[in-house]
Amino acid sequence: ARVKELLQNVRSGRLTADAALRRLKSLSIHDLS
């Protein structure tokens, strides 16, 4: 649901493609040490 919302925000212009890409990149493994 959040990914769909993200894509809809890009389509509507509320979010840039670069900002969406940054959010998607943050979905990888988060290393807390």
PDB file of all heavy atoms in Angstrom:
ATOM      1  N   ALA A   1       0.826  -1.206   0.000  1.00  0.00           N
ATOM      2  CA  ALA A   1       0.000   0.000   0.000  1.00  0.00           C
ATOM      3  C   ALA A   1       0.864   1.260   0.000  1.00  0.00           C
ATOM      4  O   ALA A   1       0.560   2.235  -0.701  1.00  0.00           O
ATOM      5  CB  ALA A   1      -0.944   0.003   1.204  1.00  0.00           C
ATOM      6  N   ARG A   2       1.953   1.247   0.761  1.00  0.00           N
ATOM      7  CA  ARG A   2       2.840   2.415   0.795  1.00  0.00           C
ATOM      8  C   ARG A   2       3.581   2.603  -0.523  1.00  0.00           C
ATOM      9  O   ARG A   2       3.817   3.725  -0.947  1.00  0.00           O
ATOM     10  CB  ARG A   2       3.835   2.293   1.946  1.00  0.00           C
ATOM     11  CG  ARG A   2       3.220   2.633   3.294  1.00  0.00           C
ATOM     12  CD  ARG A   2       4.291   2.750   4.324  1.00  0.00           C
ATOM     13  NE  ARG A   2       3.753   3.257   5.570  1.00  0.00           N
ATOM     14  CZ  ARG A   2       4.498   3.583   6.601  1.00  0.00           C
ATOM     15  NH1 ARG A   2       5.808   3.468   6.540  1.00  0.00           N
ATOM     16  NH2 ARG A   2       3.956   4.030   7.702  1.00  0.00           N
ATOM     17  N   VAL A   3       3.965   1.516  -1.171  1.00  0.00           N
ATOM     18  CA  VAL A   3       4.630   1.631  -2.471  1.00  0.00           C
ATOM     19  C   VAL A   3       3.655   2.208  -3.496  1.00  0.00           C
ATOM     20  O   VAL A   3       4.006   3.098  -4.271  1.00  0.00           O
ATOM     21  CB  VAL A   3       5.179   0.268  -2.947  1.00  0.00           C
ATOM     22  CG1 VAL A   3       5.662   0.346  -4.388  1.00  0.00           C
ATOM     23  CG2 VAL A   3       6.322  -0.183  -2.040  1.00  0.00           C
ATOM     24  N   LYS A   4       2.404   1.734  -3.487  1.00  0.00           N
ATOM     25  CA  LYS A   4       1.394   2.271  -4.413  1.00  0.00           C
ATOM     26  C   LYS A   4       1.169   3.761  -4.159  1.00  0.00           C
ATOM     27  O   LYS A   4       1.075   4.552  -5.094  1.00  0.00           O
ATOM     28  CB  LYS A   4       0.075   1.503  -4.271  1.00  0.00           C
ATOM     29  CG  LYS A   4       0.112   0.139  -4.896  1.00  0.00           C
ATOM     30  CD  LYS A   4      -1.221  -0.570  -4.709  1.00  0.00           C
ATOM     31  CE  LYS A   4      -1.171  -1.980  -5.246  1.00  0.00           C
ATOM     32  NZ  LYS A   4      -2.430  -2.709  -5.027  1.00  0.00           N
ATOM     33  N   GLU A   5       1.100   4.138  -2.881  1.00  0.00           N
ATOM     34  CA  GLU A   5       0.922   5.551  -2.525  1.00  0.00           C
ATOM     35  C   GLU A   5       2.110   6.378  -3.023  1.00  0.00           C
ATOM     36  O   GLU A   5       1.937   7.473  -3.564  1.00  0.00           O
ATOM     37  CB  GLU A   5       0.780   5.693  -1.013  1.00  0.00           C
ATOM     38  CG  GLU A   5       0.597   7.120  -0.541  1.00  0.00           C
ATOM     39  CD  GLU A   5       0.534   7.219   0.976  1.00  0.00           C
ATOM     40  OE1 GLU A   5       0.413   6.191   1.660  1.00  0.00           O
ATOM     41  OE2 GLU A   5       0.608   8.360   1.468  1.00  0.00           O
ATOM     42  N   LEU A   6       3.307   5.851  -2.861  1.00  0.00           N
ATOM     43  CA  LEU A   6       4.511   6.521  -3.342  1.00  0.00           C
ATOM     44  C   LEU A   6       4.440   6.736  -4.852  1.00  0.00           C
ATOM     45  O   LEU A   6       4.683   7.839  -5.354  1.00  0.00           O
ATOM     46  CB  LEU A   6       5.739   5.678  -2.980  1.00  0.00           C
ATOM     47  CG  LEU A   6       7.099   6.226  -3.342  1.00  0.00           C
ATOM     48  CD1 LEU A   6       7.481   7.378  -2.429  1.00  0.00           C
ATOM     49  CD2 LEU A   6       8.139   5.112  -3.229  1.00  0.00           C
ATOM     50  N   LEU A   7       4.060   5.705  -5.580  1.00  0.00           N
ATOM     51  CA  LEU A   7       3.957   5.806  -7.038  1.00  0.00           C
ATOM     52  C   LEU A   7       2.854   6.791  -7.458  1.00  0.00           C
ATOM     53  O   LEU A   7       3.026   7.560  -8.411  1.00  0.00           O
ATOM     54  CB  LEU A   7       3.712   4.425  -7.646  1.00  0.00           C
ATOM     55  CG  LEU A   7       4.860   3.433  -7.482  1.00  0.00           C
ATOM     56  CD1 LEU A   7       4.438   2.043  -7.951  1.00  0.00           C
ATOM     57  CD2 LEU A   7       6.098   3.895  -8.207  1.00  0.00           C
ATOM     58  N   GLN A   8       1.737   6.775  -6.755  1.00  0.00           N
ATOM     59  CA  GLN A   8       0.655   7.723  -7.053  1.00  0.00           C
ATOM     60  C   GLN A   8       1.100   9.160  -6.796  1.00  0.00           C
ATOM     61  O   GLN A   8       0.739  10.068  -7.538  1.00  0.00           O
ATOM     62  CB  GLN A   8      -0.591   7.383  -6.233  1.00  0.00           C
ATOM     63  CG  GLN A   8      -1.273   6.117  -6.699  1.00  0.00           C
ATOM     64  CD  GLN A   8      -2.338   5.613  -5.731  1.00  0.00           C
ATOM     65  OE1 GLN A   8      -2.437   6.079  -4.599  1.00  0.00           O
ATOM     66  NE2 GLN A   8      -3.120   4.645  -6.193  1.00  0.00           N
ATOM     67  N   ASN A   9       1.902   9.360  -5.747  1.00  0.00           N
ATOM     68  CA  ASN A   9       2.412  10.697  -5.451  1.00  0.00           C
ATOM     69  C   ASN A   9       3.357  11.188  -6.544  1.00  0.00           C
ATOM     70  O   ASN A   9       3.378  12.375  -6.865  1.00  0.00           O
ATOM     71  CB  ASN A   9       3.103  10.731  -4.095  1.00  0.00           C
ATOM     72  CG  ASN A   9       2.121  10.713  -2.946  1.00  0.00           C
ATOM     73  OD1 ASN A   9       0.967  11.090  -3.084  1.00  0.00           O
ATOM     74  ND2 ASN A   9       2.584  10.255  -1.801  1.00  0.00           N
ATOM     75  N   VAL A  10       4.141  10.279  -7.133  1.00  0.00           N
ATOM     76  CA  VAL A  10       5.006  10.655  -8.251  1.00  0.00           C
ATOM     77  C   VAL A  10       4.148  11.007  -9.455  1.00  0.00           C
ATOM     78  O   VAL A  10       4.343  12.037 -10.099  1.00  0.00           O
ATOM     79  CB  VAL A  10       6.005   9.528  -8.600  1.00  0.00           C
ATOM     80  CG1 VAL A  10       6.736   9.829  -9.905  1.00  0.00           C
ATOM     81  CG2 VAL A  10       7.000   9.331  -7.462  1.00  0.00           C
ATOM     82  N   ARG A  11       3.149  10.173  -9.738  1.00  0.00           N
ATOM     83  CA  ARG A  11       2.283  10.412 -10.887  1.00  0.00           C
ATOM     84  C   ARG A  11       1.535  11.735 -10.769  1.00  0.00           C
ATOM     85  O   ARG A  11       1.403  12.480 -11.731  1.00  0.00           O
ATOM     86  CB  ARG A  11       1.280   9.270 -11.068  1.00  0.00           C
ATOM     87  CG  ARG A  11       0.377   9.491 -12.274  1.00  0.00           C
ATOM     88  CD  ARG A  11      -0.512   8.323 -12.604  1.00  0.00           C
ATOM     89  NE  ARG A  11      -1.141   7.748 -11.433  1.00  0.00           N
ATOM     90  CZ  ARG A  11      -1.849   6.642 -11.454  1.00  0.00           C
ATOM     91  NH1 ARG A  11      -2.022   5.980 -12.570  1.00  0.00           N
ATOM     92  NH2 ARG A  11      -2.394   6.178 -10.356  1.00  0.00           N
ATOM     93  N   SER A  12       1.104  12.077  -9.559  1.00  0.00           N
ATOM     94  CA  SER A  12       0.324  13.306  -9.366  1.00  0.00           C
ATOM     95  C   SER A  12       1.213  14.548  -9.256  1.00  0.00           C
ATOM     96  O   SER A  12       0.706  15.670  -9.241  1.00  0.00           O
ATOM     97  CB  SER A  12      -0.532  13.191  -8.109  1.00  0.00           C
ATOM     98  OG  SER A  12       0.278  13.221  -6.956  1.00  0.00           O
ATOM     99  N   GLY A  13       2.526  14.343  -9.111  1.00  0.00           N
ATOM    100  CA  GLY A  13       3.430  15.478  -8.997  1.00  0.00           C
ATOM    101  C   GLY A  13       3.684  15.929  -7.569  1.00  0.00           C
ATOM    102  O   GLY A  13       4.411  16.895  -7.345  1.00  0.00           O
ATOM    103  N   ARG A  14       3.098  15.253  -6.585  1.00  0.00           N
ATOM    104  CA  ARG A  14       3.325  15.619  -5.182  1.00  0.00           C
ATOM    105  C   ARG A  14       4.716  15.211  -4.705  1.00  0.00           C
ATOM    106  O   ARG A  14       5.192  15.687  -3.677  1.00  0.00           O
ATOM    107  CB  ARG A  14       2.263  14.975  -4.289  1.00  0.00           C
ATOM    108  CG  ARG A  14       0.890  15.597  -4.431  1.00  0.00           C
ATOM    109  CD  ARG A  14      -0.064  15.072  -3.372  1.00  0.00           C
ATOM    110  NE  ARG A  14      -0.290  13.634  -3.497  1.00  0.00           N
ATOM    111  CZ  ARG A  14      -1.372  13.081  -4.031  1.00  0.00           C
ATOM    112  NH1 ARG A  14      -2.340  13.831  -4.492  1.00  0.00           N
ATOM    113  NH2 ARG A  14      -1.497  11.774  -4.087  1.00  0.00           N
ATOM    114  N   LEU A  15       5.372  14.313  -5.467  1.00  0.00           N
ATOM    115  CA  LEU A  15       6.687  13.817  -5.114  1.00  0.00           C
ATOM    116  C   LEU A  15       7.503  13.661  -6.391  1.00  0.00           C
ATOM    117  O   LEU A  15       6.982  13.206  -7.402  1.00  0.00           O
ATOM    118  CB  LEU A  15       6.543  12.441  -4.421  1.00  0.00           C
ATOM    119  CG  LEU A  15       7.764  11.837  -3.761  1.00  0.00           C
ATOM    120  CD1 LEU A  15       8.196  12.671  -2.551  1.00  0.00           C
ATOM    121  CD2 LEU A  15       7.451  10.417  -3.310  1.00  0.00           C
ATOM    122  N   THR A  16       8.758  14.050  -6.318  1.00  0.00           N
ATOM    123  CA  THR A  16       9.604  13.916  -7.508  1.00  0.00           C
ATOM    124  C   THR A  16      10.066  12.462  -7.638  1.00  0.00           C
ATOM    125  O   THR A  16      10.107  11.711  -6.646  1.00  0.00           O
ATOM    126  CB  THR A  16      10.845  14.829  -7.429  1.00  0.00           C
ATOM    127  OG1 THR A  16      11.693  14.347  -6.366  1.00  0.00           O
ATOM    128  CG2 THR A  16      10.461  16.283  -7.212  1.00  0.00           C
ATOM    129  N   ALA A  17      10.457  12.095  -8.841  1.00  0.00           N
ATOM    130  CA  ALA A  17      10.974  10.746  -9.075  1.00  0.00           C
ATOM    131  C   ALA A  17      12.244  10.525  -8.263  1.00  0.00           C
ATOM    132  O   ALA A  17      12.473   9.426  -7.736  1.00  0.00           O
ATOM    133  CB  ALA A  17      11.221  10.531 -10.559  1.00  0.00           C
ATOM    134  N   ASP A  18      13.088  11.551  -8.141  1.00  0.00           N
ATOM    135  CA  ASP A  18      14.320  11.422  -7.362  1.00  0.00           C
ATOM    136  C   ASP A  18      14.022  11.163  -5.887  1.00  0.00           C
ATOM    137  O   ASP A  18      14.683  10.343  -5.238  1.00  0.00           O
ATOM    138  CB  ASP A  18      15.187  12.671  -7.509  1.00  0.00           C
ATOM    139  CG  ASP A  18      15.842  12.770  -8.878  1.00  0.00           C
ATOM    140  OD1 ASP A  18      15.974  11.720  -9.549  1.00  0.00           O
ATOM    141  OD2 ASP A  18      16.220  13.891  -9.271  1.00  0.00           O
ATOM    142  N   ALA A  19      13.029  11.868  -5.349  1.00  0.00           N
ATOM    143  CA  ALA A  19      12.660  11.667  -3.943  1.00  0.00           C
ATOM    144  C   ALA A  19      12.105  10.257  -3.738  1.00  0.00           C
ATOM    145  O   ALA A  19      12.420   9.599  -2.739  1.00  0.00           O
ATOM    146  CB  ALA A  19      11.634  12.709  -3.508  1.00  0.00           C
ATOM    147  N   ALA A  20      11.309   9.787  -4.676  1.00  0.00           N
ATOM    148  CA  ALA A  20      10.777   8.428  -4.587  1.00  0.00           C
ATOM    149  C   ALA A  20      11.901   7.405  -4.663  1.00  0.00           C
ATOM    150  O   ALA A  20      11.907   6.410  -3.917  1.00  0.00           O
ATOM    151  CB  ALA A  20       9.763   8.192  -5.696  1.00  0.00           C
ATOM    152  N   LEU A  21      12.854   7.630  -5.528  1.00  0.00           N
ATOM    153  CA  LEU A  21      13.992   6.734  -5.658  1.00  0.00           C
ATOM    154  C   LEU A  21      14.783   6.663  -4.355  1.00  0.00           C
ATOM    155  O   LEU A  21      15.189   5.583  -3.914  1.00  0.00           O
ATOM    156  CB  LEU A  21      14.890   7.177  -6.817  1.00  0.00           C
ATOM    157  CG  LEU A  21      16.102   6.300  -7.103  1.00  0.00           C
ATOM    158  CD1 LEU A  21      15.670   4.879  -7.459  1.00  0.00           C
ATOM    159  CD2 LEU A  21      16.923   6.904  -8.229  1.00  0.00           C
ATOM    160  N   ARG A  22      14.989   7.805  -3.703  1.00  0.00           N
ATOM    161  CA  ARG A  22      15.699   7.821  -2.419  1.00  0.00           C
ATOM    162  C   ARG A  22      14.952   6.972  -1.385  1.00  0.00           C
ATOM    163  O   ARG A  22      15.563   6.218  -0.628  1.00  0.00           O
ATOM    164  CB  ARG A  22      15.873   9.247  -1.907  1.00  0.00           C
ATOM    165  CG  ARG A  22      17.021  10.002  -2.556  1.00  0.00           C
ATOM    166  CD  ARG A  22      17.348  11.299  -1.834  1.00  0.00           C
ATOM    167  NE  ARG A  22      16.242  12.246  -1.775  1.00  0.00           N
ATOM    168  CZ  ARG A  22      15.918  13.094  -2.762  1.00  0.00           C
ATOM    169  NH1 ARG A  22      16.623  13.111  -3.887  1.00  0.00           N
ATOM    170  NH2 ARG A  22      14.910  13.922  -2.624  1.00  0.00           N
ATOM    171  N   ARG A  23      13.628   7.087  -1.363  1.00  0.00           N
ATOM    172  CA  ARG A  23      12.839   6.289  -0.410  1.00  0.00           C
ATOM    173  C   ARG A  23      12.948   4.799  -0.712  1.00  0.00           C
ATOM    174  O   ARG A  23      13.073   3.981   0.194  1.00  0.00           O
ATOM    175  CB  ARG A  23      11.380   6.716  -0.428  1.00  0.00           C
ATOM    176  CG  ARG A  23      11.160   8.056   0.227  1.00  0.00           C
ATOM    177  CD  ARG A  23       9.699   8.359   0.374  1.00  0.00           C
ATOM    178  NE  ARG A  23       9.517   9.745   0.755  1.00  0.00           N
ATOM    179  CZ  ARG A  23       8.345  10.306   0.899  1.00  0.00           C
ATOM    180  NH1 ARG A  23       7.242   9.630   0.679  1.00  0.00           N
ATOM    181  NH2 ARG A  23       8.254  11.568   1.249  1.00  0.00           N
ATOM    182  N   LEU A  24      12.897   4.445  -1.978  1.00  0.00           N
ATOM    183  CA  LEU A  24      13.000   3.034  -2.347  1.00  0.00           C
ATOM    184  C   LEU A  24      14.382   2.475  -2.030  1.00  0.00           C
ATOM    185  O   LEU A  24      14.512   1.331  -1.598  1.00  0.00           O
ATOM    186  CB  LEU A  24      12.660   2.847  -3.829  1.00  0.00           C
ATOM    187  CG  LEU A  24      11.187   3.080  -4.187  1.00  0.00           C
ATOM    188  CD1 LEU A  24      11.000   3.067  -5.693  1.00  0.00           C
ATOM    189  CD2 LEU A  24      10.294   2.039  -3.516  1.00  0.00           C
ATOM    190  N   LYS A  25      15.420   3.284  -2.213  1.00  0.00           N
ATOM    191  CA  LYS A  25      16.773   2.832  -1.897  1.00  0.00           C
ATOM    192  C   LYS A  25      16.931   2.558  -0.403  1.00  0.00           C
ATOM    193  O   LYS A  25      17.722   1.710   0.000  1.00  0.00           O
ATOM    194  CB  LYS A  25      17.805   3.872  -2.335  1.00  0.00           C
ATOM    195  CG  LYS A  25      18.090   3.854  -3.815  1.00  0.00           C
ATOM    196  CD  LYS A  25      19.164   4.877  -4.156  1.00  0.00           C
ATOM    197  CE  LYS A  25      19.532   4.837  -5.617  1.00  0.00           C
ATOM    198  NZ  LYS A  25      20.578   5.814  -5.945  1.00  0.00           N
ATOM    199  N   SER A  26      16.171   3.267   0.427  1.00  0.00           N
ATOM    200  CA  SER A  26      16.283   3.092   1.875  1.00  0.00           C
ATOM    201  C   SER A  26      15.659   1.783   2.346  1.00  0.00           C
ATOM    202  O   SER A  26      15.730   1.453   3.524  1.00  0.00           O
ATOM    203  CB  SER A  26      15.649   4.274   2.612  1.00  0.00           C
ATOM    204  OG  SER A  26      14.238   4.207   2.533  1.00  0.00           O
ATOM    205  N   LEU A  27      15.066   1.028   1.431  1.00  0.00           N
ATOM    206  CA  LEU A  27      14.427  -0.232   1.814  1.00  0.00           C
ATOM    207  C   LEU A  27      15.408  -1.390   1.945  1.00  0.00           C
ATOM    208  O   LEU A  27      15.020  -2.491   2.297  1.00  0.00           O
ATOM    209  CB  LEU A  27      13.358  -0.617   0.788  1.00  0.00           C
ATOM    210  CG  LEU A  27      12.125   0.273   0.749  1.00  0.00           C
ATOM    211  CD1 LEU A  27      11.189  -0.191  -0.338  1.00  0.00           C
ATOM    212  CD2 LEU A  27      11.433   0.277   2.089  1.00  0.00           C
ATOM    213  N   SER A  28      16.645  -1.163   1.664  1.00  0.00           N
ATOM    214  CA  SER A  28      17.620  -2.248   1.747  1.00  0.00           C
ATOM    215  C   SER A  28      17.882  -2.611   3.209  1.00  0.00           C
ATOM    216  O   SER A  28      17.209  -2.140   4.114  1.00  0.00           O
ATOM    217  CB  SER A  28      18.915  -1.818   1.057  1.00  0.00           C
ATOM    218  OG  SER A  28      19.477  -0.717   1.745  1.00  0.00           O
ATOM    219  N   ILE A  29      18.880  -3.399   3.425  1.00  0.00           N
ATOM    220  CA  ILE A  29      19.277  -3.776   4.785  1.00  0.00           C
ATOM    221  C   ILE A  29      19.825  -2.545   5.503  1.00  0.00           C
ATOM    222  O   ILE A  29      20.682  -1.840   4.983  1.00  0.00           O
ATOM    223  CB  ILE A  29      20.353  -4.887   4.752  1.00  0.00           C
ATOM    224  CG1 ILE A  29      19.834  -6.125   4.033  1.00  0.00           C
ATOM    225  CG2 ILE A  29      20.852  -5.210   6.149  1.00  0.00           C
ATOM    226  CD1 ILE A  29      18.692  -6.833   4.714  1.00  0.00           C
ATOM    227  N   HIS A  30      19.316  -2.282   6.697  1.00  0.00           N
ATOM    228  CA  HIS A  30      19.780  -1.165   7.510  1.00  0.00           C
ATOM    229  C   HIS A  30      20.762  -1.727   8.542  1.00  0.00           C
ATOM    230  O   HIS A  30      20.366  -2.442   9.456  1.00  0.00           O
ATOM    231  CB  HIS A  30      18.595  -0.483   8.183  1.00  0.00           C
ATOM    232  CG  HIS A  30      18.954   0.748   8.934  1.00  0.00           C
ATOM    233  ND1 HIS A  30      18.181   1.241   9.947  1.00  0.00           N
ATOM    234  CD2 HIS A  30      19.999   1.597   8.835  1.00  0.00           C
ATOM    235  CE1 HIS A  30      18.733   2.331  10.433  1.00  0.00           C
ATOM    236  NE2 HIS A  30      19.833   2.562   9.782  1.00  0.00           N
ATOM    237  N   ASP A  31      22.037  -1.397   8.392  1.00  0.00           N
ATOM    238  CA  ASP A  31      23.072  -1.905   9.282  1.00  0.00           C
ATOM    239  C   ASP A  31      23.209  -0.978  10.482  1.00  0.00           C
ATOM    240  O   ASP A  31      23.623   0.171  10.352  1.00  0.00           O
ATOM    241  CB  ASP A  31      24.397  -2.008   8.522  1.00  0.00           C
ATOM    242  CG  ASP A  31      25.456  -2.781   9.294  1.00  0.00           C
ATOM    243  OD1 ASP A  31      25.266  -3.005  10.511  1.00  0.00           O
ATOM    244  OD2 ASP A  31      26.452  -3.162   8.684  1.00  0.00           O
ATOM    245  N   LEU A  32      22.865  -1.498  11.663  1.00  0.00           N
ATOM    246  CA  LEU A  32      22.969  -0.729  12.905  1.00  0.00           C
ATOM    247  C   LEU A  32      24.258  -1.059  13.659  1.00  0.00           C
ATOM    248  O   LEU A  32      24.390  -0.719  14.812  1.00  0.00           O
ATOM    249  CB  LEU A  32      21.762  -1.021  13.803  1.00  0.00           C
ATOM    250  CG  LEU A  32      20.407  -0.634  13.243  1.00  0.00           C
ATOM    251  CD1 LEU A  32      19.280  -1.159  14.144  1.00  0.00           C
ATOM    252  CD2 LEU A  32      20.303   0.874  13.109  1.00  0.00           C
ATOM    253  N   SER A  33      25.174  -1.763  13.057  1.00  0.00           N
ATOM    254  CA  SER A  33      26.451  -2.258  13.589  1.00  0.00           C
ATOM    255  C   SER A  33      26.247  -3.477  14.496  1.00  0.00           C
ATOM    256  O   SER A  33      27.029  -4.407  14.441  1.00  0.00           O
ATOM    257  CB  SER A  33      27.279  -1.171  14.278  1.00  0.00           C
ATOM    258  OG  SER A  33      26.780  -0.846  15.541  1.00  0.00           O
TER     259      SER A  33
END
